[in-house]
Amino acid sequence: MEEAGVLKAQVRLVDAERVGRGVNVMCQVRMKSHSPNDRQSFEAFLNTKPEVMEAHSMSGEWDYLLRIVAEDVAGYERFLMRDLLNHANVATAASHFALSQVKYTTALPV
C-alpha cells in the first residue's frame, strides 16, 4: 500500500491539552472573491499557519471550514484578528468553540 501511494506519512497523535493547545475552534470563512488566484493565495496563507490543523473548501453558504487549535480564547482571538481577518480576500468568519471532543479518529473505515 505504501508503494501504491495509499499509505501516507506516519504520525504520532499528541494530546493537545497537555501541550497547551486545548482550545479547538471550527471557523467558517467567506471569501470576497472566488477567482483561482485568490483561492490559491488564501490556501497558501493557510499552509503557513501552524494553528490551522485542517482546511476544507466547502459547498454552500461558506467557502472554507477550518479547524484551529489555540492555547486559549485570547490566543484564538489574536489569530482571528491579526491573521485571518487581515487576509485581503477574507470577507467574514464565524467561529464555533468545541466544548469537548466526543470522538476523534484518523482511521478510515476501509
N, C-alpha and C. Protein backbone atom coordinates (compact mmCIF):
# COMPACT_ATOMS: atom_id res chain seq x y z
N MET A 1 0.82 -1.19 0.00
CA MET A 1 0.00 0.00 0.00
C MET A 1 0.87 1.26 0.00
N GLU A 2 2.05 1.20 0.61
CA GLU A 2 2.95 2.35 0.57
C GLU A 2 3.40 2.63 -0.84
N GLU A 3 3.79 1.59 -1.57
CA GLU A 3 4.27 1.75 -2.94
C GLU A 3 3.19 2.30 -3.85
N ALA A 4 1.94 1.96 -3.59
CA ALA A 4 0.82 2.43 -4.41
C ALA A 4 0.40 3.85 -4.04
N GLY A 5 0.97 4.41 -2.98
CA GLY A 5 0.62 5.76 -2.56
C GLY A 5 -0.64 5.85 -1.72
N VAL A 6 -1.16 4.69 -1.28
CA VAL A 6 -2.35 4.67 -0.44
C VAL A 6 -2.02 5.11 0.99
N LEU A 7 -0.89 4.62 1.50
CA LEU A 7 -0.47 5.00 2.84
C LEU A 7 0.42 6.23 2.75
N LYS A 8 0.08 7.23 3.55
CA LYS A 8 0.86 8.47 3.55
C LYS A 8 1.76 8.49 4.78
N ALA A 9 2.18 9.66 5.20
CA ALA A 9 3.14 9.80 6.30
C ALA A 9 2.64 9.16 7.60
N GLN A 10 3.59 8.59 8.34
CA GLN A 10 3.29 8.08 9.67
C GLN A 10 3.39 9.24 10.65
N VAL A 11 2.44 9.28 11.59
CA VAL A 11 2.43 10.35 12.59
C VAL A 11 2.15 9.78 13.97
N ARG A 12 2.44 10.57 14.99
CA ARG A 12 2.07 10.24 16.37
C ARG A 12 1.04 11.26 16.80
N LEU A 13 0.01 10.84 17.51
CA LEU A 13 -1.02 11.74 17.98
C LEU A 13 -0.58 12.38 19.30
N VAL A 14 -0.71 13.69 19.38
CA VAL A 14 -0.31 14.45 20.56
C VAL A 14 -1.56 14.88 21.30
N ASP A 15 -1.54 14.79 22.62
CA ASP A 15 -2.63 15.29 23.45
C ASP A 15 -2.55 16.81 23.46
N ALA A 16 -3.48 17.46 22.76
CA ALA A 16 -3.45 18.92 22.58
C ALA A 16 -3.46 19.67 23.91
N GLU A 17 -4.24 19.22 24.86
CA GLU A 17 -4.30 19.91 26.16
C GLU A 17 -2.97 19.86 26.89
N ARG A 18 -2.29 18.73 26.80
CA ARG A 18 -1.02 18.58 27.53
C ARG A 18 0.11 19.40 26.93
N VAL A 19 -0.07 19.89 25.69
CA VAL A 19 0.94 20.75 25.08
C VAL A 19 0.43 22.19 24.94
N GLY A 20 -0.61 22.51 25.70
CA GLY A 20 -1.09 23.89 25.73
C GLY A 20 -1.88 24.34 24.53
N ARG A 21 -2.54 23.43 23.87
CA ARG A 21 -3.39 23.77 22.71
C ARG A 21 -4.78 23.18 22.90
N GLY A 22 -5.39 23.47 24.05
CA GLY A 22 -6.65 22.85 24.42
C GLY A 22 -7.90 23.47 23.83
N VAL A 23 -7.79 24.62 23.17
CA VAL A 23 -8.97 25.26 22.58
C VAL A 23 -9.06 24.83 21.12
N ASN A 24 -10.19 24.25 20.78
CA ASN A 24 -10.45 23.71 19.45
C ASN A 24 -11.59 24.51 18.83
N VAL A 25 -11.33 25.17 17.70
CA VAL A 25 -12.32 26.06 17.09
C VAL A 25 -12.61 25.62 15.66
N MET A 26 -13.89 25.56 15.32
CA MET A 26 -14.31 25.38 13.94
C MET A 26 -14.65 26.76 13.42
N CYS A 27 -14.00 27.16 12.35
CA CYS A 27 -14.16 28.51 11.82
C CYS A 27 -14.62 28.44 10.37
N GLN A 28 -15.76 29.04 10.10
CA GLN A 28 -16.27 29.13 8.73
C GLN A 28 -15.79 30.45 8.14
N VAL A 29 -15.34 30.41 6.89
CA VAL A 29 -14.79 31.59 6.24
C VAL A 29 -15.53 31.85 4.93
N ARG A 30 -15.89 33.11 4.72
CA ARG A 30 -16.48 33.54 3.45
C ARG A 30 -15.48 34.44 2.75
N MET A 31 -15.25 34.18 1.47
CA MET A 31 -14.27 34.93 0.69
C MET A 31 -14.92 36.12 -0.03
N LYS A 32 -14.10 37.13 -0.32
CA LYS A 32 -14.56 38.26 -1.12
C LYS A 32 -14.61 37.91 -2.60
N SER A 33 -13.67 37.07 -3.03
CA SER A 33 -13.54 36.70 -4.43
C SER A 33 -13.30 35.20 -4.53
N HIS A 34 -13.79 34.60 -5.60
CA HIS A 34 -13.62 33.17 -5.81
C HIS A 34 -12.72 32.88 -7.00
N SER A 35 -11.95 33.86 -7.42
CA SER A 35 -11.06 33.63 -8.57
C SER A 35 -10.01 32.59 -8.20
N PRO A 36 -9.52 31.85 -9.16
CA PRO A 36 -8.49 30.84 -8.87
C PRO A 36 -7.27 31.43 -8.16
N ASN A 37 -6.81 32.60 -8.57
CA ASN A 37 -5.64 33.21 -7.94
C ASN A 37 -5.91 33.57 -6.48
N ASP A 38 -7.09 34.11 -6.20
CA ASP A 38 -7.43 34.48 -4.82
C ASP A 38 -7.56 33.25 -3.94
N ARG A 39 -8.14 32.19 -4.46
CA ARG A 39 -8.27 30.96 -3.68
C ARG A 39 -6.89 30.36 -3.42
N GLN A 40 -6.03 30.34 -4.43
CA GLN A 40 -4.68 29.81 -4.25
C GLN A 40 -3.91 30.62 -3.22
N SER A 41 -4.06 31.94 -3.26
CA SER A 41 -3.39 32.81 -2.30
C SER A 41 -3.86 32.50 -0.88
N PHE A 42 -5.15 32.34 -0.70
CA PHE A 42 -5.69 32.05 0.63
C PHE A 42 -5.23 30.67 1.11
N GLU A 43 -5.26 29.70 0.25
CA GLU A 43 -4.84 28.35 0.64
C GLU A 43 -3.35 28.31 0.96
N ALA A 44 -2.53 29.06 0.24
CA ALA A 44 -1.11 29.15 0.56
C ALA A 44 -0.91 29.80 1.92
N PHE A 45 -1.69 30.84 2.21
CA PHE A 45 -1.66 31.52 3.51
C PHE A 45 -1.99 30.52 4.63
N LEU A 46 -3.04 29.71 4.44
CA LEU A 46 -3.43 28.73 5.46
C LEU A 46 -2.30 27.74 5.73
N ASN A 47 -1.59 27.36 4.70
CA ASN A 47 -0.49 26.39 4.86
C ASN A 47 0.68 26.95 5.64
N THR A 48 0.74 28.26 5.84
CA THR A 48 1.82 28.86 6.65
C THR A 48 1.43 29.00 8.11
N LYS A 49 0.20 28.69 8.47
CA LYS A 49 -0.31 28.90 9.82
C LYS A 49 -0.39 27.57 10.57
N PRO A 50 0.52 27.34 11.52
CA PRO A 50 0.55 26.04 12.21
C PRO A 50 -0.69 25.78 13.06
N GLU A 51 -1.39 26.82 13.48
CA GLU A 51 -2.59 26.62 14.29
C GLU A 51 -3.78 26.12 13.48
N VAL A 52 -3.69 26.21 12.15
CA VAL A 52 -4.75 25.69 11.28
C VAL A 52 -4.45 24.20 11.05
N MET A 53 -5.22 23.37 11.71
CA MET A 53 -5.00 21.92 11.64
C MET A 53 -5.64 21.28 10.42
N GLU A 54 -6.78 21.81 10.01
CA GLU A 54 -7.49 21.31 8.84
C GLU A 54 -8.11 22.49 8.12
N ALA A 55 -8.21 22.37 6.81
CA ALA A 55 -8.87 23.38 5.99
C ALA A 55 -9.60 22.66 4.86
N HIS A 56 -10.89 22.93 4.76
CA HIS A 56 -11.72 22.27 3.76
C HIS A 56 -12.40 23.32 2.90
N SER A 57 -12.29 23.20 1.59
CA SER A 57 -13.06 24.02 0.68
C SER A 57 -14.48 23.44 0.67
N MET A 58 -15.48 24.30 0.84
CA MET A 58 -16.84 23.82 1.08
C MET A 58 -17.81 24.25 -0.02
N SER A 59 -18.89 23.50 -0.13
CA SER A 59 -20.03 23.94 -0.93
C SER A 59 -20.99 24.65 0.02
N GLY A 60 -21.93 25.39 -0.51
CA GLY A 60 -22.92 26.04 0.33
C GLY A 60 -22.59 27.47 0.66
N GLU A 61 -23.13 27.93 1.78
CA GLU A 61 -23.06 29.34 2.18
C GLU A 61 -21.64 29.81 2.50
N TRP A 62 -20.82 28.96 3.08
CA TRP A 62 -19.46 29.31 3.47
C TRP A 62 -18.47 28.69 2.50
N ASP A 63 -17.33 29.35 2.31
CA ASP A 63 -16.35 28.89 1.34
C ASP A 63 -15.34 27.90 1.91
N TYR A 64 -14.96 28.09 3.18
CA TYR A 64 -13.98 27.21 3.83
C TYR A 64 -14.44 26.88 5.24
N LEU A 65 -14.07 25.70 5.69
CA LEU A 65 -14.23 25.30 7.08
C LEU A 65 -12.84 24.97 7.60
N LEU A 66 -12.44 25.66 8.67
CA LEU A 66 -11.11 25.46 9.25
C LEU A 66 -11.26 24.87 10.65
N ARG A 67 -10.31 24.02 11.03
CA ARG A 67 -10.19 23.59 12.42
C ARG A 67 -8.90 24.19 12.93
N ILE A 68 -9.04 24.98 13.97
CA ILE A 68 -7.91 25.73 14.51
C ILE A 68 -7.72 25.36 15.97
N VAL A 69 -6.47 25.18 16.39
CA VAL A 69 -6.17 24.96 17.80
C VAL A 69 -5.45 26.18 18.35
N ALA A 70 -5.74 26.48 19.61
CA ALA A 70 -5.11 27.62 20.27
C ALA A 70 -4.88 27.28 21.73
N GLU A 71 -4.00 28.05 22.37
CA GLU A 71 -3.72 27.82 23.78
C GLU A 71 -4.89 28.25 24.67
N ASP A 72 -5.61 29.30 24.25
CA ASP A 72 -6.75 29.80 24.99
C ASP A 72 -7.57 30.69 24.07
N VAL A 73 -8.68 31.22 24.57
CA VAL A 73 -9.55 32.06 23.76
C VAL A 73 -8.82 33.31 23.28
N ALA A 74 -8.01 33.89 24.13
CA ALA A 74 -7.24 35.09 23.73
C ALA A 74 -6.28 34.76 22.60
N GLY A 75 -5.67 33.59 22.63
CA GLY A 75 -4.77 33.17 21.56
C GLY A 75 -5.52 33.02 20.24
N TYR A 76 -6.72 32.46 20.30
CA TYR A 76 -7.53 32.35 19.09
C TYR A 76 -7.93 33.74 18.59
N GLU A 77 -8.29 34.62 19.50
CA GLU A 77 -8.67 35.98 19.10
C GLU A 77 -7.51 36.67 18.38
N ARG A 78 -6.28 36.49 18.88
CA ARG A 78 -5.12 37.08 18.20
C ARG A 78 -4.99 36.54 16.78
N PHE A 79 -5.11 35.22 16.62
CA PHE A 79 -5.04 34.63 15.28
C PHE A 79 -6.15 35.18 14.38
N LEU A 80 -7.36 35.23 14.90
CA LEU A 80 -8.50 35.70 14.12
C LEU A 80 -8.32 37.15 13.68
N MET A 81 -8.01 38.02 14.63
CA MET A 81 -7.95 39.45 14.34
C MET A 81 -6.69 39.86 13.59
N ARG A 82 -5.55 39.29 13.94
CA ARG A 82 -4.28 39.71 13.33
C ARG A 82 -3.97 38.99 12.02
N ASP A 83 -4.42 37.75 11.92
CA ASP A 83 -4.06 36.96 10.74
C ASP A 83 -5.23 36.73 9.80
N LEU A 84 -6.21 35.97 10.25
CA LEU A 84 -7.28 35.53 9.35
C LEU A 84 -8.08 36.70 8.77
N LEU A 85 -8.60 37.57 9.62
CA LEU A 85 -9.43 38.66 9.13
C LEU A 85 -8.63 39.75 8.42
N ASN A 86 -7.31 39.72 8.55
CA ASN A 86 -6.47 40.67 7.82
C ASN A 86 -6.08 40.17 6.43
N HIS A 87 -6.42 38.94 6.11
CA HIS A 87 -6.12 38.46 4.76
C HIS A 87 -6.98 39.25 3.77
N ALA A 88 -6.37 39.69 2.70
CA ALA A 88 -7.03 40.58 1.74
C ALA A 88 -8.29 40.00 1.13
N ASN A 89 -8.42 38.69 1.08
CA ASN A 89 -9.57 38.10 0.41
C ASN A 89 -10.62 37.53 1.36
N VAL A 90 -10.45 37.71 2.67
CA VAL A 90 -11.43 37.20 3.62
C VAL A 90 -12.49 38.28 3.86
N ALA A 91 -13.74 37.93 3.59
CA ALA A 91 -14.85 38.86 3.82
C ALA A 91 -15.33 38.79 5.26
N THR A 92 -15.53 37.57 5.77
CA THR A 92 -16.01 37.40 7.13
C THR A 92 -15.72 35.98 7.61
N ALA A 93 -15.84 35.78 8.91
CA ALA A 93 -15.62 34.47 9.50
C ALA A 93 -16.57 34.29 10.67
N ALA A 94 -16.95 33.04 10.93
CA ALA A 94 -17.79 32.70 12.07
C ALA A 94 -17.09 31.59 12.85
N SER A 95 -16.96 31.78 14.15
CA SER A 95 -16.21 30.84 14.99
C SER A 95 -17.15 30.05 15.89
N HIS A 96 -16.84 28.77 16.03
CA HIS A 96 -17.61 27.86 16.88
C HIS A 96 -16.63 27.11 17.76
N PHE A 97 -16.74 27.27 19.07
CA PHE A 97 -15.81 26.66 20.01
C PHE A 97 -16.32 25.31 20.46
N ALA A 98 -15.45 24.30 20.38
CA ALA A 98 -15.80 22.97 20.84
C ALA A 98 -15.78 22.95 22.37
N LEU A 99 -16.83 22.43 22.98
CA LEU A 99 -16.89 22.30 24.43
C LEU A 99 -16.10 21.08 24.89
N SER A 100 -16.21 20.00 24.13
CA SER A 100 -15.44 18.79 24.43
C SER A 100 -15.32 17.98 23.15
N GLN A 101 -14.33 17.10 23.14
CA GLN A 101 -14.13 16.23 21.99
C GLN A 101 -14.80 14.90 22.28
N VAL A 102 -15.85 14.62 21.56
CA VAL A 102 -16.63 13.41 21.79
C VAL A 102 -16.05 12.22 21.05
N LYS A 103 -15.57 12.47 19.84
CA LYS A 103 -14.95 11.42 19.03
C LYS A 103 -13.86 12.04 18.19
N TYR A 104 -12.73 11.36 18.09
CA TYR A 104 -11.66 11.78 17.23
C TYR A 104 -10.92 10.54 16.75
N THR A 105 -10.79 10.41 15.45
CA THR A 105 -10.04 9.30 14.89
C THR A 105 -9.42 9.75 13.58
N THR A 106 -8.34 9.12 13.22
CA THR A 106 -7.74 9.34 11.91
C THR A 106 -7.83 8.07 11.08
N ALA A 107 -8.39 7.01 11.65
CA ALA A 107 -8.50 5.73 10.95
C ALA A 107 -9.69 5.77 9.99
N LEU A 108 -9.43 5.44 8.74
CA LEU A 108 -10.50 5.37 7.74
C LEU A 108 -11.16 4.00 7.82
N PRO A 109 -12.47 3.92 7.63
CA PRO A 109 -13.16 2.64 7.67
C PRO A 109 -13.02 1.89 6.34
N VAL A 110 -11.86 1.26 6.16
CA VAL A 110 -11.61 0.51 4.93
C VAL A 110 -11.51 -0.97 5.21
